[in-house]
Amino acid sequence: MRPLKDMELSQETIAKIDARVEKYPTKRSAALPLLHLVQEEKGYIPDEAIEWIAKRLELNPINIYEIITFYPMLKRKPMGRKHVRVCRTLSCALRGGYQVCKSLQEQLGCKLDETSANGEFSIEFVECLASCGTAPVIMVNENHHENMDEEKTIALCRELKKNTT
């Protein structure tokens, strides 16, 4: 099955999708892995993908939408090339996580839950980055930054801005 016209996927991703669907005795079970594959290539889950995956798995689009809205790691809109996540759970909040987030927004010119105009940064609060003993914690793409304070946050932002494409 070819993707919808508005949602082109690479042949490699289509091959991975076909292989994943075949692994499951019930097609429906492949929904989450397929969403991950689309997001891996596109950077988010476009509306066309919801319809395409639903059709591919013989489901209704609402079944796919339910999965996307349940899992916070699945994104409905494009994220910045540098996805900045700030832990907001108790340890991080008590040790300045909210101030760190405010500094990130000011330094990177990007509001919370938005993507910067140049597409470089996205900032979001997340639940637990699993490093309570080194709170507050920021995760940029897959890299953890621990024991963050105002000074460290500003230095990190300078480094992130220096390495923009």
N, C-alpha and C. Protein backbone atom coordinates (compact mmCIF):
# COMPACT_ATOMS: atom_id res chain seq x y z
N MET A 1 0.85 -1.19 0.00
CA MET A 1 0.00 0.00 0.00
C MET A 1 0.89 1.24 0.00
N ARG A 2 0.68 2.12 -0.93
CA ARG A 2 1.45 3.36 -1.05
C ARG A 2 0.87 4.41 -0.10
N PRO A 3 1.75 5.31 0.40
CA PRO A 3 1.26 6.40 1.25
C PRO A 3 0.33 7.32 0.48
N LEU A 4 -0.45 8.08 1.21
CA LEU A 4 -1.29 9.09 0.59
C LEU A 4 -0.40 10.09 -0.13
N LYS A 5 -0.94 10.75 -1.12
CA LYS A 5 -0.18 11.69 -1.94
C LYS A 5 0.52 12.75 -1.09
N ASP A 6 -0.15 13.30 -0.09
CA ASP A 6 0.40 14.38 0.72
C ASP A 6 1.40 13.89 1.76
N MET A 7 1.55 12.57 1.90
CA MET A 7 2.44 12.06 2.92
C MET A 7 3.42 11.07 2.30
N GLU A 8 4.44 11.59 1.68
CA GLU A 8 5.44 10.71 1.08
C GLU A 8 6.37 10.17 2.16
N LEU A 9 6.62 8.89 2.10
CA LEU A 9 7.56 8.23 2.99
C LEU A 9 8.64 7.58 2.14
N SER A 10 9.83 7.45 2.71
CA SER A 10 10.91 6.81 1.99
C SER A 10 10.60 5.32 1.80
N GLN A 11 11.22 4.73 0.80
CA GLN A 11 11.04 3.30 0.55
C GLN A 11 11.51 2.50 1.75
N GLU A 12 12.55 2.98 2.42
CA GLU A 12 13.07 2.29 3.60
C GLU A 12 12.02 2.24 4.71
N THR A 13 11.35 3.37 4.95
CA THR A 13 10.32 3.41 5.99
C THR A 13 9.13 2.53 5.61
N ILE A 14 8.74 2.56 4.35
CA ILE A 14 7.63 1.72 3.90
C ILE A 14 7.98 0.24 4.10
N ALA A 15 9.22 -0.12 3.80
CA ALA A 15 9.65 -1.51 4.00
C ALA A 15 9.61 -1.89 5.49
N LYS A 16 10.03 -0.96 6.35
CA LYS A 16 9.98 -1.21 7.80
C LYS A 16 8.54 -1.36 8.26
N ILE A 17 7.66 -0.53 7.73
CA ILE A 17 6.24 -0.60 8.09
C ILE A 17 5.66 -1.96 7.68
N ASP A 18 5.93 -2.37 6.44
CA ASP A 18 5.42 -3.65 5.97
C ASP A 18 5.92 -4.80 6.85
N ALA A 19 7.21 -4.74 7.22
CA ALA A 19 7.79 -5.79 8.07
C ALA A 19 7.14 -5.80 9.45
N ARG A 20 6.89 -4.63 10.01
CA ARG A 20 6.27 -4.56 11.35
C ARG A 20 4.86 -5.12 11.33
N VAL A 21 4.08 -4.75 10.33
CA VAL A 21 2.70 -5.23 10.27
C VAL A 21 2.68 -6.75 10.19
N GLU A 22 3.59 -7.32 9.45
CA GLU A 22 3.63 -8.78 9.29
C GLU A 22 4.00 -9.49 10.59
N LYS A 23 4.70 -8.81 11.51
CA LYS A 23 5.12 -9.44 12.76
C LYS A 23 3.98 -9.70 13.73
N TYR A 24 2.88 -8.98 13.59
CA TYR A 24 1.79 -9.06 14.56
C TYR A 24 0.65 -9.91 14.04
N PRO A 25 0.14 -10.82 14.88
CA PRO A 25 -0.99 -11.64 14.44
C PRO A 25 -2.27 -10.80 14.26
N THR A 26 -2.36 -9.71 15.00
CA THR A 26 -3.47 -8.77 14.86
C THR A 26 -2.89 -7.45 14.36
N LYS A 27 -3.32 -7.00 13.20
CA LYS A 27 -2.76 -5.78 12.60
C LYS A 27 -2.78 -4.59 13.56
N ARG A 28 -3.85 -4.46 14.30
CA ARG A 28 -4.04 -3.34 15.23
C ARG A 28 -2.84 -3.16 16.16
N SER A 29 -2.19 -4.25 16.52
CA SER A 29 -1.07 -4.21 17.44
C SER A 29 0.14 -3.47 16.87
N ALA A 30 0.19 -3.27 15.58
CA ALA A 30 1.31 -2.58 14.94
C ALA A 30 1.15 -1.07 14.95
N ALA A 31 0.05 -0.57 15.47
CA ALA A 31 -0.23 0.87 15.38
C ALA A 31 0.87 1.73 16.01
N LEU A 32 1.24 1.44 17.24
CA LEU A 32 2.25 2.25 17.92
C LEU A 32 3.61 2.18 17.21
N PRO A 33 4.10 0.99 16.85
CA PRO A 33 5.36 0.95 16.10
C PRO A 33 5.30 1.73 14.78
N LEU A 34 4.18 1.69 14.09
CA LEU A 34 4.05 2.43 12.84
C LEU A 34 4.09 3.94 13.08
N LEU A 35 3.44 4.38 14.15
CA LEU A 35 3.48 5.80 14.49
C LEU A 35 4.91 6.25 14.78
N HIS A 36 5.66 5.41 15.48
CA HIS A 36 7.06 5.74 15.76
C HIS A 36 7.87 5.83 14.46
N LEU A 37 7.63 4.93 13.54
CA LEU A 37 8.37 4.96 12.27
C LEU A 37 8.06 6.22 11.47
N VAL A 38 6.80 6.59 11.43
CA VAL A 38 6.43 7.82 10.70
C VAL A 38 7.05 9.04 11.38
N GLN A 39 6.96 9.09 12.71
CA GLN A 39 7.52 10.23 13.42
C GLN A 39 9.04 10.29 13.27
N GLU A 40 9.67 9.13 13.23
CA GLU A 40 11.12 9.08 13.05
C GLU A 40 11.52 9.74 11.73
N GLU A 41 10.74 9.51 10.69
CA GLU A 41 11.07 10.10 9.39
C GLU A 41 10.58 11.54 9.26
N LYS A 42 9.36 11.81 9.68
CA LYS A 42 8.76 13.12 9.48
C LYS A 42 9.05 14.12 10.60
N GLY A 43 9.34 13.61 11.80
CA GLY A 43 9.56 14.49 12.94
C GLY A 43 8.30 14.74 13.74
N TYR A 44 7.17 14.29 13.24
CA TYR A 44 5.87 14.41 13.89
C TYR A 44 4.90 13.51 13.14
N ILE A 45 3.64 13.47 13.62
CA ILE A 45 2.61 12.64 12.99
C ILE A 45 1.63 13.56 12.25
N PRO A 46 1.78 13.71 10.94
CA PRO A 46 0.83 14.55 10.20
C PRO A 46 -0.56 13.90 10.11
N ASP A 47 -1.57 14.71 9.86
CA ASP A 47 -2.94 14.21 9.74
C ASP A 47 -3.04 13.09 8.71
N GLU A 48 -2.31 13.25 7.60
CA GLU A 48 -2.36 12.24 6.55
C GLU A 48 -1.88 10.88 7.07
N ALA A 49 -0.94 10.90 8.01
CA ALA A 49 -0.41 9.66 8.55
C ALA A 49 -1.46 8.92 9.37
N ILE A 50 -2.28 9.67 10.09
CA ILE A 50 -3.34 9.05 10.88
C ILE A 50 -4.27 8.27 9.97
N GLU A 51 -4.68 8.92 8.89
CA GLU A 51 -5.59 8.27 7.95
C GLU A 51 -4.92 7.09 7.26
N TRP A 52 -3.67 7.28 6.86
CA TRP A 52 -2.96 6.23 6.13
C TRP A 52 -2.73 5.00 7.01
N ILE A 53 -2.28 5.22 8.25
CA ILE A 53 -2.04 4.10 9.16
C ILE A 53 -3.35 3.38 9.47
N ALA A 54 -4.40 4.15 9.70
CA ALA A 54 -5.70 3.53 9.98
C ALA A 54 -6.13 2.63 8.81
N LYS A 55 -5.99 3.14 7.61
CA LYS A 55 -6.36 2.35 6.43
C LYS A 55 -5.46 1.11 6.31
N ARG A 56 -4.16 1.31 6.54
CA ARG A 56 -3.19 0.19 6.44
C ARG A 56 -3.51 -0.91 7.44
N LEU A 57 -4.01 -0.53 8.62
CA LEU A 57 -4.29 -1.51 9.68
C LEU A 57 -5.77 -1.89 9.76
N GLU A 58 -6.56 -1.40 8.80
CA GLU A 58 -7.99 -1.69 8.74
C GLU A 58 -8.70 -1.23 10.01
N LEU A 59 -8.38 0.01 10.41
CA LEU A 59 -8.99 0.64 11.59
C LEU A 59 -9.64 1.94 11.17
N ASN A 60 -10.32 2.56 12.12
CA ASN A 60 -10.85 3.90 11.91
C ASN A 60 -9.79 4.91 12.35
N PRO A 61 -9.72 6.06 11.70
CA PRO A 61 -8.73 7.07 12.10
C PRO A 61 -8.78 7.42 13.59
N ILE A 62 -9.97 7.37 14.20
CA ILE A 62 -10.07 7.70 15.62
C ILE A 62 -9.26 6.73 16.47
N ASN A 63 -9.12 5.49 16.03
CA ASN A 63 -8.32 4.51 16.78
C ASN A 63 -6.84 4.91 16.82
N ILE A 64 -6.36 5.49 15.75
CA ILE A 64 -4.97 5.95 15.69
C ILE A 64 -4.83 7.26 16.48
N TYR A 65 -5.79 8.14 16.33
CA TYR A 65 -5.78 9.41 17.06
C TYR A 65 -5.74 9.17 18.57
N GLU A 66 -6.48 8.19 19.04
CA GLU A 66 -6.50 7.86 20.48
C GLU A 66 -5.11 7.50 20.98
N ILE A 67 -4.38 6.78 20.19
CA ILE A 67 -3.03 6.39 20.58
C ILE A 67 -2.12 7.62 20.64
N ILE A 68 -2.21 8.46 19.63
CA ILE A 68 -1.37 9.66 19.58
C ILE A 68 -1.63 10.57 20.77
N THR A 69 -2.88 10.73 21.13
CA THR A 69 -3.20 11.64 22.23
C THR A 69 -2.89 11.03 23.60
N PHE A 70 -2.74 9.71 23.66
CA PHE A 70 -2.41 9.06 24.93
C PHE A 70 -0.93 9.16 25.24
N TYR A 71 -0.08 8.96 24.25
CA TYR A 71 1.37 8.93 24.46
C TYR A 71 2.00 10.30 24.20
N PRO A 72 2.57 10.92 25.23
CA PRO A 72 3.13 12.27 25.05
C PRO A 72 4.36 12.32 24.16
N MET A 73 5.02 11.20 23.89
CA MET A 73 6.19 11.23 23.02
C MET A 73 5.82 11.32 21.54
N LEU A 74 4.55 11.12 21.24
CA LEU A 74 4.09 11.25 19.86
C LEU A 74 3.62 12.69 19.64
N LYS A 75 4.15 13.32 18.60
CA LYS A 75 3.90 14.75 18.37
C LYS A 75 3.00 14.97 17.16
N ARG A 76 2.05 15.87 17.32
CA ARG A 76 1.10 16.19 16.25
C ARG A 76 1.54 17.37 15.39
N LYS A 77 2.60 18.05 15.82
CA LYS A 77 3.10 19.16 15.02
C LYS A 77 4.63 19.07 15.02
N PRO A 78 5.25 19.68 14.02
CA PRO A 78 6.71 19.60 13.93
C PRO A 78 7.40 20.17 15.18
N MET A 79 8.45 19.52 15.58
CA MET A 79 9.26 19.99 16.70
C MET A 79 10.52 20.63 16.15
N GLY A 80 11.16 21.45 16.97
CA GLY A 80 12.41 22.07 16.57
C GLY A 80 13.51 21.02 16.41
N ARG A 81 14.55 21.39 15.68
CA ARG A 81 15.68 20.47 15.51
C ARG A 81 16.33 20.17 16.86
N LYS A 82 16.21 21.10 17.77
CA LYS A 82 16.69 20.88 19.14
C LYS A 82 15.47 20.88 20.04
N HIS A 83 15.08 19.71 20.47
CA HIS A 83 13.89 19.51 21.29
C HIS A 83 14.33 19.58 22.76
N VAL A 84 13.94 20.65 23.42
CA VAL A 84 14.36 20.91 24.80
C VAL A 84 13.22 20.53 25.74
N ARG A 85 13.50 19.57 26.63
CA ARG A 85 12.51 19.12 27.59
C ARG A 85 13.01 19.46 28.99
N VAL A 86 12.10 20.01 29.79
CA VAL A 86 12.43 20.40 31.15
C VAL A 86 11.56 19.59 32.10
N CYS A 87 12.19 18.92 33.04
CA CYS A 87 11.45 18.14 34.02
C CYS A 87 10.68 19.07 34.95
N ARG A 88 9.43 18.73 35.20
CA ARG A 88 8.63 19.57 36.09
C ARG A 88 8.13 18.82 37.33
N THR A 89 8.64 17.62 37.55
CA THR A 89 8.19 16.88 38.72
C THR A 89 8.80 17.49 39.99
N LEU A 90 8.40 16.98 41.14
CA LEU A 90 8.66 17.64 42.41
C LEU A 90 10.12 18.00 42.66
N SER A 91 11.03 17.07 42.50
CA SER A 91 12.45 17.37 42.77
C SER A 91 12.94 18.53 41.92
N CYS A 92 12.65 18.48 40.65
CA CYS A 92 13.10 19.54 39.74
C CYS A 92 12.38 20.86 40.03
N ALA A 93 11.10 20.79 40.31
CA ALA A 93 10.35 22.01 40.63
C ALA A 93 10.90 22.68 41.89
N LEU A 94 11.17 21.90 42.91
CA LEU A 94 11.68 22.46 44.16
C LEU A 94 13.08 23.04 44.02
N ARG A 95 13.84 22.53 43.07
CA ARG A 95 15.22 22.99 42.91
C ARG A 95 15.37 23.98 41.77
N GLY A 96 14.26 24.54 41.25
CA GLY A 96 14.35 25.64 40.28
C GLY A 96 14.01 25.31 38.85
N GLY A 97 13.36 24.19 38.61
CA GLY A 97 13.02 23.79 37.25
C GLY A 97 12.16 24.80 36.50
N TYR A 98 11.24 25.45 37.20
CA TYR A 98 10.38 26.43 36.54
C TYR A 98 11.17 27.67 36.14
N GLN A 99 12.12 28.09 36.96
CA GLN A 99 12.97 29.23 36.62
C GLN A 99 13.89 28.87 35.45
N VAL A 100 14.39 27.64 35.45
CA VAL A 100 15.22 27.16 34.35
C VAL A 100 14.42 27.23 33.04
N CYS A 101 13.18 26.79 33.09
CA CYS A 101 12.33 26.82 31.90
C CYS A 101 12.10 28.25 31.42
N LYS A 102 11.88 29.15 32.36
CA LYS A 102 11.69 30.56 32.01
C LYS A 102 12.95 31.11 31.33
N SER A 103 14.12 30.78 31.86
CA SER A 103 15.38 31.22 31.27
C SER A 103 15.56 30.66 29.86
N LEU A 104 15.23 29.40 29.69
CA LEU A 104 15.32 28.79 28.36
C LEU A 104 14.47 29.55 27.35
N GLN A 105 13.24 29.88 27.74
CA GLN A 105 12.35 30.59 26.84
C GLN A 105 12.92 31.96 26.48
N GLU A 106 13.45 32.66 27.47
CA GLU A 106 14.03 33.98 27.22
C GLU A 106 15.27 33.89 26.33
N GLN A 107 16.15 32.95 26.65
CA GLN A 107 17.42 32.84 25.94
C GLN A 107 17.27 32.31 24.51
N LEU A 108 16.32 31.39 24.31
CA LEU A 108 16.16 30.76 23.01
C LEU A 108 15.10 31.43 22.14
N GLY A 109 14.37 32.40 22.72
CA GLY A 109 13.34 33.08 21.95
C GLY A 109 12.23 32.16 21.52
N CYS A 110 11.85 31.27 22.40
CA CYS A 110 10.85 30.25 22.08
C CYS A 110 9.94 30.06 23.28
N LYS A 111 8.65 30.13 23.06
CA LYS A 111 7.70 29.94 24.15
C LYS A 111 7.51 28.45 24.44
N LEU A 112 7.04 28.19 25.63
CA LEU A 112 6.73 26.82 26.06
C LEU A 112 5.70 26.20 25.14
N ASP A 113 5.91 24.96 24.75
CA ASP A 113 5.02 24.19 23.88
C ASP A 113 4.90 24.78 22.48
N GLU A 114 5.92 25.49 22.06
CA GLU A 114 5.95 26.03 20.71
C GLU A 114 7.31 25.75 20.08
N THR A 115 7.40 26.04 18.80
CA THR A 115 8.65 25.90 18.07
C THR A 115 9.08 27.29 17.64
N SER A 116 10.37 27.58 17.76
CA SER A 116 10.89 28.90 17.40
C SER A 116 10.63 29.18 15.93
N ALA A 117 10.60 30.45 15.57
CA ALA A 117 10.29 30.86 14.20
C ALA A 117 11.27 30.26 13.19
N ASN A 118 12.51 30.06 13.59
CA ASN A 118 13.50 29.50 12.67
C ASN A 118 13.49 27.97 12.64
N GLY A 119 12.60 27.36 13.44
CA GLY A 119 12.48 25.90 13.46
C GLY A 119 13.59 25.21 14.22
N GLU A 120 14.40 25.98 14.92
CA GLU A 120 15.56 25.41 15.60
C GLU A 120 15.23 24.80 16.96
N PHE A 121 14.32 25.43 17.73
CA PHE A 121 14.07 25.01 19.10
C PHE A 121 12.60 24.75 19.39
N SER A 122 12.35 23.76 20.23
CA SER A 122 11.04 23.53 20.84
C SER A 122 11.31 23.31 22.32
N ILE A 123 10.45 23.87 23.16
CA ILE A 123 10.60 23.71 24.60
C ILE A 123 9.29 23.16 25.15
N GLU A 124 9.42 22.15 26.02
CA GLU A 124 8.24 21.62 26.67
C GLU A 124 8.58 21.10 28.06
N PHE A 125 7.58 21.17 28.95
CA PHE A 125 7.70 20.54 30.25
C PHE A 125 7.36 19.07 30.07
N VAL A 126 8.05 18.21 30.80
CA VAL A 126 7.77 16.78 30.76
C VAL A 126 7.73 16.24 32.18
N GLU A 127 7.13 15.10 32.31
CA GLU A 127 7.09 14.42 33.61
C GLU A 127 8.31 13.54 33.73
N CYS A 128 9.13 13.81 34.69
CA CYS A 128 10.25 13.00 35.13
C CYS A 128 11.23 12.58 34.03
N LEU A 129 12.43 13.08 34.16
CA LEU A 129 13.53 12.65 33.30
C LEU A 129 14.46 11.68 34.03
N ALA A 130 13.96 11.14 35.15
CA ALA A 130 14.62 10.05 35.88
C ALA A 130 16.00 10.40 36.42
N SER A 131 16.12 11.59 36.97
CA SER A 131 17.39 11.99 37.55
C SER A 131 17.14 12.93 38.73
N CYS A 132 16.28 12.51 39.63
CA CYS A 132 15.84 13.36 40.75
C CYS A 132 17.01 13.84 41.62
N GLY A 133 18.03 13.03 41.76
CA GLY A 133 19.17 13.40 42.59
C GLY A 133 20.04 14.50 42.00
N THR A 134 19.83 14.79 40.71
CA THR A 134 20.61 15.84 40.04
C THR A 134 19.69 16.93 39.48
N ALA A 135 18.60 17.16 40.16
CA ALA A 135 17.61 18.14 39.71
C ALA A 135 18.16 19.56 39.84
N PRO A 136 17.64 20.47 39.03
CA PRO A 136 16.73 20.29 37.90
C PRO A 136 17.45 19.77 36.65
N VAL A 137 16.68 19.09 35.84
CA VAL A 137 17.23 18.40 34.67
C VAL A 137 16.58 18.92 33.40
N ILE A 138 17.41 19.10 32.38
CA ILE A 138 16.98 19.47 31.03
C ILE A 138 17.47 18.37 30.11
N MET A 139 16.66 18.03 29.12
CA MET A 139 17.09 17.07 28.11
C MET A 139 16.99 17.76 26.76
N VAL A 140 18.09 17.84 26.03
CA VAL A 140 18.11 18.42 24.69
C VAL A 140 18.33 17.27 23.72
N ASN A 141 17.31 17.01 22.91
CA ASN A 141 17.28 15.81 22.08
C ASN A 141 17.51 14.61 23.00
N GLU A 142 18.62 13.94 22.94
CA GLU A 142 18.83 12.77 23.80
C GLU A 142 19.88 13.01 24.88
N ASN A 143 20.31 14.24 25.06
CA ASN A 143 21.38 14.56 26.02
C ASN A 143 20.83 15.20 27.29
N HIS A 144 21.18 14.62 28.43
CA HIS A 144 20.78 15.15 29.73
C HIS A 144 21.74 16.25 30.19
N HIS A 145 21.18 17.26 30.82
CA HIS A 145 21.95 18.33 31.46
C HIS A 145 21.40 18.44 32.87
N GLU A 146 22.26 18.18 33.85
CA GLU A 146 21.81 18.05 35.23
C GLU A 146 22.30 19.19 36.11
N ASN A 147 21.65 19.31 37.28
CA ASN A 147 22.00 20.35 38.26
C ASN A 147 21.98 21.73 37.61
N MET A 148 20.97 21.98 36.82
CA MET A 148 20.90 23.24 36.07
C MET A 148 20.49 24.39 36.99
N ASP A 149 21.11 25.53 36.76
CA ASP A 149 20.74 26.76 37.43
C ASP A 149 20.75 27.85 36.36
N GLU A 150 20.54 29.08 36.76
CA GLU A 150 20.48 30.20 35.80
C GLU A 150 21.76 30.28 34.96
N GLU A 151 22.89 30.24 35.62
CA GLU A 151 24.17 30.39 34.92
C GLU A 151 24.41 29.24 33.93
N LYS A 152 24.18 28.02 34.36
CA LYS A 152 24.37 26.86 33.49
C LYS A 152 23.38 26.87 32.32
N THR A 153 22.17 27.33 32.60
CA THR A 153 21.15 27.39 31.55
C THR A 153 21.55 28.40 30.48
N ILE A 154 22.02 29.55 30.89
CA ILE A 154 22.46 30.57 29.93
C ILE A 154 23.63 30.04 29.10
N ALA A 155 24.57 29.38 29.75
CA ALA A 155 25.72 28.82 29.02
C ALA A 155 25.26 27.74 28.03
N LEU A 156 24.34 26.90 28.44
CA LEU A 156 23.80 25.88 27.55
C LEU A 156 23.13 26.52 26.34
N CYS A 157 22.34 27.55 26.58
CA CYS A 157 21.64 28.23 25.49
C CYS A 157 22.63 28.86 24.50
N ARG A 158 23.69 29.46 25.02
CA ARG A 158 24.73 30.02 24.13
C ARG A 158 25.31 28.91 23.23
N GLU A 159 25.58 27.77 23.83
CA GLU A 159 26.14 26.64 23.09
C GLU A 159 25.15 26.14 22.04
N LEU A 160 23.89 26.02 22.42
CA LEU A 160 22.86 25.55 21.49
C LEU A 160 22.70 26.51 20.31
N LYS A 161 22.71 27.81 20.60
CA LYS A 161 22.57 28.80 19.54
C LYS A 161 23.78 28.84 18.62
N LYS A 162 24.96 28.58 19.19
CA LYS A 162 26.19 28.57 18.40
C LYS A 162 26.16 27.43 17.39
N ASN A 163 25.53 26.35 17.76
CA ASN A 163 25.50 25.15 16.91
C ASN A 163 24.23 25.03 16.08
N THR A 164 23.63 26.15 15.71
CA THR A 164 22.43 26.09 14.87
C THR A 164 22.83 25.97 13.42
N THR A 165 21.94 25.35 12.66
CA THR A 165 22.24 25.16 11.23
C THR A 165 21.69 26.28 10.41
